[in-house]
Structures are given as C-alpha cells and as structure tokens.
C-alpha atoms as a PDB file:
ATOM      1  CA  MET A   1     -17.041 -25.055  27.256  1.00  0.00           C
ATOM      2  CA  GLY A   2     -19.119 -27.884  25.931  1.00  0.00           C
ATOM      3  CA  LYS A   3     -20.589 -28.856  22.596  1.00  0.00           C
ATOM      4  CA  ILE A   4     -21.907 -26.304  20.109  1.00  0.00           C
ATOM      5  CA  ASN A   5     -24.669 -27.294  17.695  1.00  0.00           C
ATOM      6  CA  LEU A   6     -24.101 -25.090  14.658  1.00  0.00           C
ATOM      7  CA  SER A   7     -27.578 -25.744  13.255  1.00  0.00           C
ATOM      8  CA  GLU A   8     -29.100 -23.992  16.297  1.00  0.00           C
ATOM      9  CA  HIS A   9     -27.253 -20.779  15.400  1.00  0.00           C
ATOM     10  CA  ILE A  10     -27.797 -20.611  11.641  1.00  0.00           C
ATOM     11  CA  GLU A  11     -29.939 -17.616  10.728  1.00  0.00           C
ATOM     12  CA  PHE A  12     -30.233 -15.606   7.510  1.00  0.00           C
ATOM     13  CA  SER A  13     -31.325 -12.055   6.735  1.00  0.00           C
ATOM     14  CA  LYS A  14     -32.183 -10.597   3.334  1.00  0.00           C
ATOM     15  CA  GLU A  15     -30.789  -7.194   4.411  1.00  0.00           C
ATOM     16  CA  LYS A  16     -27.241  -8.170   5.458  1.00  0.00           C
ATOM     17  CA  TYR A  17     -25.163 -11.200   6.327  1.00  0.00           C
ATOM     18  CA  VAL A  18     -25.610 -12.485   9.884  1.00  0.00           C
ATOM     19  CA  SER A  19     -22.596 -13.033  12.145  1.00  0.00           C
ATOM     20  CA  LYS A  20     -22.721 -14.658  15.582  1.00  0.00           C
ATOM     21  CA  ILE A  21     -19.947 -15.179  18.094  1.00  0.00           C
ATOM     22  CA  LEU A  22     -20.178 -18.842  19.108  1.00  0.00           C
ATOM     23  CA  PHE A  23     -17.149 -18.951  21.389  1.00  0.00           C
ATOM     24  CA  ASP A  24     -14.963 -16.265  22.905  1.00  0.00           C
ATOM     25  CA  SER A  25     -11.970 -16.717  25.210  1.00  0.00           C
ATOM     26  CA  ASP A  26      -8.643 -15.024  25.836  1.00  0.00           C
ATOM     27  CA  ALA A  27      -7.058 -17.415  23.293  1.00  0.00           C
ATOM     28  CA  MET A  28      -9.509 -17.457  20.387  1.00  0.00           C
ATOM     29  CA  ARG A  29     -12.893 -16.435  18.996  1.00  0.00           C
ATOM     30  CA  MET A  30     -15.229 -18.453  16.754  1.00  0.00           C
ATOM     31  CA  VAL A  31     -17.715 -16.602  14.560  1.00  0.00           C
ATOM     32  CA  LEU A  32     -20.476 -18.094  12.409  1.00  0.00           C
ATOM     33  CA  PHE A  33     -21.268 -16.162   9.183  1.00  0.00           C
ATOM     34  CA  CYS A  34     -24.587 -16.812   7.395  1.00  0.00           C
ATOM     35  CA  LEU A  35     -24.893 -15.214   3.961  1.00  0.00           C
ATOM     36  CA  GLU A  36     -27.691 -15.156   1.429  1.00  0.00           C
ATOM     37  CA  LYS A  37     -26.847 -15.450  -2.278  1.00  0.00           C
ATOM     38  CA  GLY A  38     -24.949 -12.328  -3.382  1.00  0.00           C
ATOM     39  CA  GLN A  39     -24.094 -11.123   0.111  1.00  0.00           C
ATOM     40  CA  GLU A  40     -20.475 -10.606   1.102  1.00  0.00           C
ATOM     41  CA  VAL A  41     -18.176  -9.872   3.971  1.00  0.00           C
ATOM     42  CA  PRO A  42     -16.023  -7.153   2.435  1.00  0.00           C
ATOM     43  CA  PRO A  43     -12.260  -7.745   2.345  1.00  0.00           C
ATOM     44  CA  HIS A  44     -10.544  -6.524   5.502  1.00  0.00           C
ATOM     45  CA  THR A  45      -7.397  -7.207   7.538  1.00  0.00           C
ATOM     46  CA  ALA A  46      -6.955  -8.319  11.142  1.00  0.00           C
ATOM     47  CA  GLN A  47      -3.938  -8.767  13.367  1.00  0.00           C
ATOM     48  CA  PRO A  48      -4.815 -12.367  14.320  1.00  0.00           C
ATOM     49  CA  GLN A  49      -4.698 -15.312  11.936  1.00  0.00           C
ATOM     50  CA  VAL A  50      -8.122 -16.384  10.603  1.00  0.00           C
ATOM     51  CA  VAL A  51      -9.197 -19.890   9.616  1.00  0.00           C
ATOM     52  CA  MET A  52     -12.424 -20.105   7.565  1.00  0.00           C
ATOM     53  CA  LEU A  53     -14.373 -23.339   7.025  1.00  0.00           C
ATOM     54  CA  VAL A  54     -17.351 -23.631   4.666  1.00  0.00           C
ATOM     55  CA  ILE A  55     -20.155 -25.499   6.450  1.00  0.00           C
ATOM     56  CA  SER A  56     -22.685 -25.257   3.622  1.00  0.00           C
ATOM     57  CA  GLY A  57     -23.250 -23.503   0.299  1.00  0.00           C
ATOM     58  CA  LYS A  58     -20.870 -22.276  -2.379  1.00  0.00           C
ATOM     59  CA  GLY A  59     -19.064 -19.031  -2.934  1.00  0.00           C
ATOM     60  CA  SER A  60     -15.613 -17.555  -2.857  1.00  0.00           C
ATOM     61  CA  PHE A  61     -12.959 -16.508  -0.374  1.00  0.00           C
ATOM     62  CA  LEU A  62     -10.719 -13.562  -1.130  1.00  0.00           C
ATOM     63  CA  ILE A  63      -7.328 -14.087   0.479  1.00  0.00           C
ATOM     64  CA  GLY A  64      -4.634 -11.552  -0.254  1.00  0.00           C
ATOM     65  CA  ASP A  65      -4.931 -10.741  -3.939  1.00  0.00           C
ATOM     66  CA  LYS A  66      -6.415 -14.139  -4.925  1.00  0.00           C
ATOM     67  CA  THR A  67      -9.994 -15.394  -5.104  1.00  0.00           C
ATOM     68  CA  TYR A  68     -10.747 -19.076  -4.418  1.00  0.00           C
ATOM     69  CA  GLN A  69     -13.980 -20.881  -5.261  1.00  0.00           C
ATOM     70  CA  VAL A  70     -15.140 -22.765  -2.161  1.00  0.00           C
ATOM     71  CA  LYS A  71     -17.763 -25.326  -1.176  1.00  0.00           C
ATOM     72  CA  PRO A  72     -18.518 -27.401   1.939  1.00  0.00           C
ATOM     73  CA  ASP A  73     -15.360 -28.702   3.638  1.00  0.00           C
ATOM     74  CA  SER A  74     -13.163 -26.013   2.017  1.00  0.00           C
ATOM     75  CA  VAL A  75     -10.762 -24.474   4.531  1.00  0.00           C
ATOM     76  CA  ALA A  76      -8.681 -21.307   4.142  1.00  0.00           C
ATOM     77  CA  VAL A  77      -5.977 -19.964   6.446  1.00  0.00           C
ATOM     78  CA  CYS A  78      -5.250 -16.231   6.414  1.00  0.00           C
ATOM     79  CA  LYS A  79      -2.006 -14.894   7.817  1.00  0.00           C
ATOM     80  CA  SER A  80      -1.878 -11.954  10.183  1.00  0.00           C
ATOM     81  CA  MET A  81      -2.765  -8.706   8.370  1.00  0.00           C
ATOM     82  CA  GLU A  82      -3.652 -10.583   5.145  1.00  0.00           C
ATOM     83  CA  ALA A  83      -6.797  -9.233   3.463  1.00  0.00           C
ATOM     84  CA  HIS A  84      -9.687 -11.718   3.515  1.00  0.00           C
ATOM     85  CA  GLY A  85     -13.367 -11.700   2.645  1.00  0.00           C
ATOM     86  CA  ILE A  86     -16.312 -13.930   1.729  1.00  0.00           C
ATOM     87  CA  LYS A  87     -18.858 -13.795  -1.122  1.00  0.00           C
ATOM     88  CA  ALA A  88     -21.848 -16.168  -1.389  1.00  0.00           C
ATOM     89  CA  ASP A  89     -22.882 -17.610  -4.763  1.00  0.00           C
ATOM     90  CA  GLU A  90     -25.760 -19.312  -2.964  1.00  0.00           C
ATOM     91  CA  GLN A  91     -26.949 -19.404   0.628  1.00  0.00           C
ATOM     92  CA  MET A  92     -23.745 -20.064   2.549  1.00  0.00           C
ATOM     93  CA  VAL A  93     -22.564 -20.755   6.116  1.00  0.00           C
ATOM     94  CA  VAL A  94     -18.912 -20.192   7.134  1.00  0.00           C
ATOM     95  CA  LEU A  95     -17.251 -20.796  10.497  1.00  0.00           C
ATOM     96  CA  ALA A  96     -14.296 -18.505  11.194  1.00  0.00           C
ATOM     97  CA  SER A  97     -11.758 -19.150  13.952  1.00  0.00           C
ATOM     98  CA  ILE A  98      -9.739 -16.091  14.942  1.00  0.00           C
ATOM     99  CA  ILE A  99      -6.452 -16.900  16.691  1.00  0.00           C
ATOM    100  CA  PRO A 100      -5.409 -15.268  18.928  1.00  0.00           C
ATOM    101  CA  ARG A 101      -8.544 -13.431  19.939  1.00  0.00           C
ATOM    102  CA  PRO A 102      -8.554  -9.778  18.827  1.00  0.00           C
END
C-alpha cells in the first residue's frame, strides 16, 4: 500500500454524509467521512476500537455518554463496544481507523 491523498477522496452530498473506505486489510480499515453542516453519523457501537481524526471543519464527537467539541487535529479513541458518533457544525471531514478490521 502506498500513499493516499485524502483531498482526492473528499466528496459531499446534501442528502446524506459520504463515507469511503480508503484502506482495508485483515488488520485494519480506514474510512473517510465527509459531512455537510447538520449531518451526523448516528451513535453506534462496534467490536473493534475506533480512532477518529478531524481533518477539517468543526463539530462534535459523541463517545460513550459524553459529547466533545472537535476541530482540525482533534483525535478521539473509542474502546471496543463504546458508543460513538459524529455531528457536523460546519462542513467536516473525519478519518476513522478501525482496529482490528471488523
């Protein structure tokens, strides 16, 4: 696997957030989320751990029962089976690493 240019994969939709798998292996998966203002990835749980990094924009991460305001360079780590979600206060791009791959 070589270099990934995130800017080549950023795409928005007014109807629903856009998610794209950028990398997928037996060990991990990387997913890019592109959200318009007001869009959200509803809280959900997953067996793997999830690391979320804000690439651009502002919004909030729900982790467990807490909500955190986030901006570029904010990173959140979600434990296995911990509820997590994303809500965009403005156009927002988030890179999620899912370890191990589901």
